[in-house]
């Protein structure tokens, strides 16, 4: 099993959720986060002065999938989150050793 962790622009969330549901990926955890990448934030003009915002709002999506579903999930997220502009985000693939359903105690490895 793998955990796919994607950091995307907030305005792309609905596109990504729809694409994931269309491909059969229904379960996910979504968290509002802040961060920055290579762009190191943005500069804004506020009341005539220049203001730097170095932590930008992002959305983090976490999904656990089987090894065989990993590439399909990565492709789906990449294609639906991509705008072609800086700050589109990142996808991380993390091995998951075990998953236990709390309600039933059922375990997957």
Protein backbone atom coordinates (compact mmCIF):
# COMPACT_ATOMS: atom_id res chain seq x y z
CA UNK A 1 0.00 0.00 0.00
CA UNK A 2 1.02 3.59 -0.58
CA UNK A 3 -0.04 6.93 0.84
CA UNK A 4 -0.28 9.57 -1.84
CA UNK A 5 0.06 13.05 -0.37
CA UNK A 6 -0.66 15.90 -2.80
CA UNK A 7 -0.25 19.61 -2.10
CA UNK A 8 -2.34 21.65 -4.56
CA UNK A 9 -3.76 25.14 -5.12
CA UNK A 10 -7.06 25.67 -3.25
CA UNK A 11 -8.87 26.72 -6.42
CA UNK A 12 -8.10 23.32 -8.03
CA UNK A 13 -9.66 21.22 -5.22
CA UNK A 14 -13.09 20.76 -6.83
CA UNK A 15 -11.50 19.72 -10.15
CA UNK A 16 -9.27 17.18 -8.39
CA UNK A 17 -12.11 15.77 -6.23
CA UNK A 18 -14.35 15.33 -9.28
CA UNK A 19 -11.56 13.62 -11.27
CA UNK A 20 -10.77 11.29 -8.34
CA UNK A 21 -14.42 10.33 -7.87
CA UNK A 22 -14.80 9.70 -11.62
CA UNK A 23 -11.83 7.28 -11.43
CA UNK A 24 -13.27 5.46 -8.39
CA UNK A 25 -11.10 7.03 -5.67
CA UNK A 26 -13.73 8.02 -3.12
CA UNK A 27 -11.97 8.11 0.27
CA UNK A 28 -9.59 10.95 1.00
CA UNK A 29 -8.47 13.29 3.77
CA UNK A 30 -8.30 16.99 2.92
CA UNK A 31 -6.46 19.55 5.05
CA UNK A 32 -5.95 23.28 4.62
CA UNK A 33 -2.23 24.01 4.96
CA UNK A 34 0.20 26.85 4.29
CA UNK A 35 3.53 26.56 2.58
CA UNK A 36 5.90 27.77 -0.07
CA UNK A 37 8.04 26.26 -2.73
CA UNK A 38 10.57 27.61 -5.17
CA UNK A 39 8.61 30.85 -5.66
CA UNK A 40 9.25 31.74 -1.98
CA UNK A 41 5.89 33.47 -1.66
CA UNK A 42 4.50 36.50 -3.44
CA UNK A 43 4.84 40.29 -3.20
CA UNK A 44 1.65 42.35 -2.88
CA UNK A 45 1.06 46.07 -2.84
CA UNK A 46 -0.93 47.09 0.23
CA UNK A 47 -1.77 50.73 1.06
CA UNK A 48 0.99 51.97 -1.19
CA UNK A 49 3.66 49.74 0.32
CA UNK A 50 5.14 46.43 -0.77
CA UNK A 51 4.23 43.45 1.41
CA UNK A 52 5.71 39.97 1.09
CA UNK A 53 3.54 36.93 1.81
CA UNK A 54 5.90 33.97 2.12
CA UNK A 55 3.43 31.27 3.24
CA UNK A 56 0.64 30.69 0.74
CA UNK A 57 -2.62 28.80 1.39
CA UNK A 58 -2.62 25.29 -0.08
CA UNK A 59 -4.72 22.13 0.14
CA UNK A 60 -3.23 18.79 1.20
CA UNK A 61 -4.94 15.62 -0.02
CA UNK A 62 -4.04 12.23 1.46
CA UNK A 63 -5.20 8.96 -0.07
CA UNK A 64 -4.17 5.36 0.69
CA UNK A 65 -4.15 3.02 -2.33
CA UNK A 66 -2.83 -0.38 -3.34
CA UNK A 67 0.50 -0.50 -5.14
CA UNK A 68 -1.30 -1.21 -8.43
CA UNK A 69 -3.46 1.93 -8.18
CA UNK A 70 -0.58 4.32 -7.45
CA UNK A 71 0.27 5.44 -10.99
CA UNK A 72 -3.38 5.94 -11.95
CA UNK A 73 -3.92 8.12 -8.88
CA UNK A 74 -0.78 10.18 -9.53
CA UNK A 75 -1.82 10.76 -13.15
CA UNK A 76 -5.35 11.74 -12.15
CA UNK A 77 -4.16 14.27 -9.56
CA UNK A 78 -1.46 15.68 -11.84
CA UNK A 79 -3.77 16.23 -14.78
CA UNK A 80 -6.63 17.74 -12.77
CA UNK A 81 -4.47 20.02 -10.57
CA UNK A 82 -2.17 21.33 -13.31
CA UNK A 83 -2.56 24.97 -14.40
CA UNK A 84 0.89 25.28 -15.94
CA UNK A 85 1.81 28.12 -13.58
CA UNK A 86 4.28 28.21 -10.72
CA UNK A 87 2.87 26.88 -7.45
CA UNK A 88 0.78 24.04 -8.93
CA UNK A 89 2.02 21.78 -6.12
CA UNK A 90 3.73 18.48 -5.36
CA UNK A 91 2.83 14.81 -5.02
CA UNK A 92 4.58 12.53 -2.53
CA UNK A 93 4.42 8.72 -2.50
CA UNK A 94 4.94 7.17 0.94
CA UNK A 95 4.97 3.44 1.77
CA UNK A 96 2.27 2.30 4.22
CA UNK A 97 3.14 -0.72 6.31
CA UNK A 98 -0.33 -1.47 7.68
CA UNK A 99 -3.87 -0.07 7.90
CA UNK A 100 -6.38 -0.93 10.64
CA UNK A 101 -10.09 -0.08 10.48
CA UNK A 102 -10.99 1.13 13.99
CA UNK A 103 -14.67 0.09 13.86
CA UNK A 104 -14.02 -3.58 12.98
CA UNK A 105 -10.37 -4.12 13.83
CA UNK A 106 -9.87 -5.36 10.24
CA UNK A 107 -6.23 -5.08 9.16
CA UNK A 108 -4.68 -4.67 5.71
CA UNK A 109 -1.02 -5.03 4.82
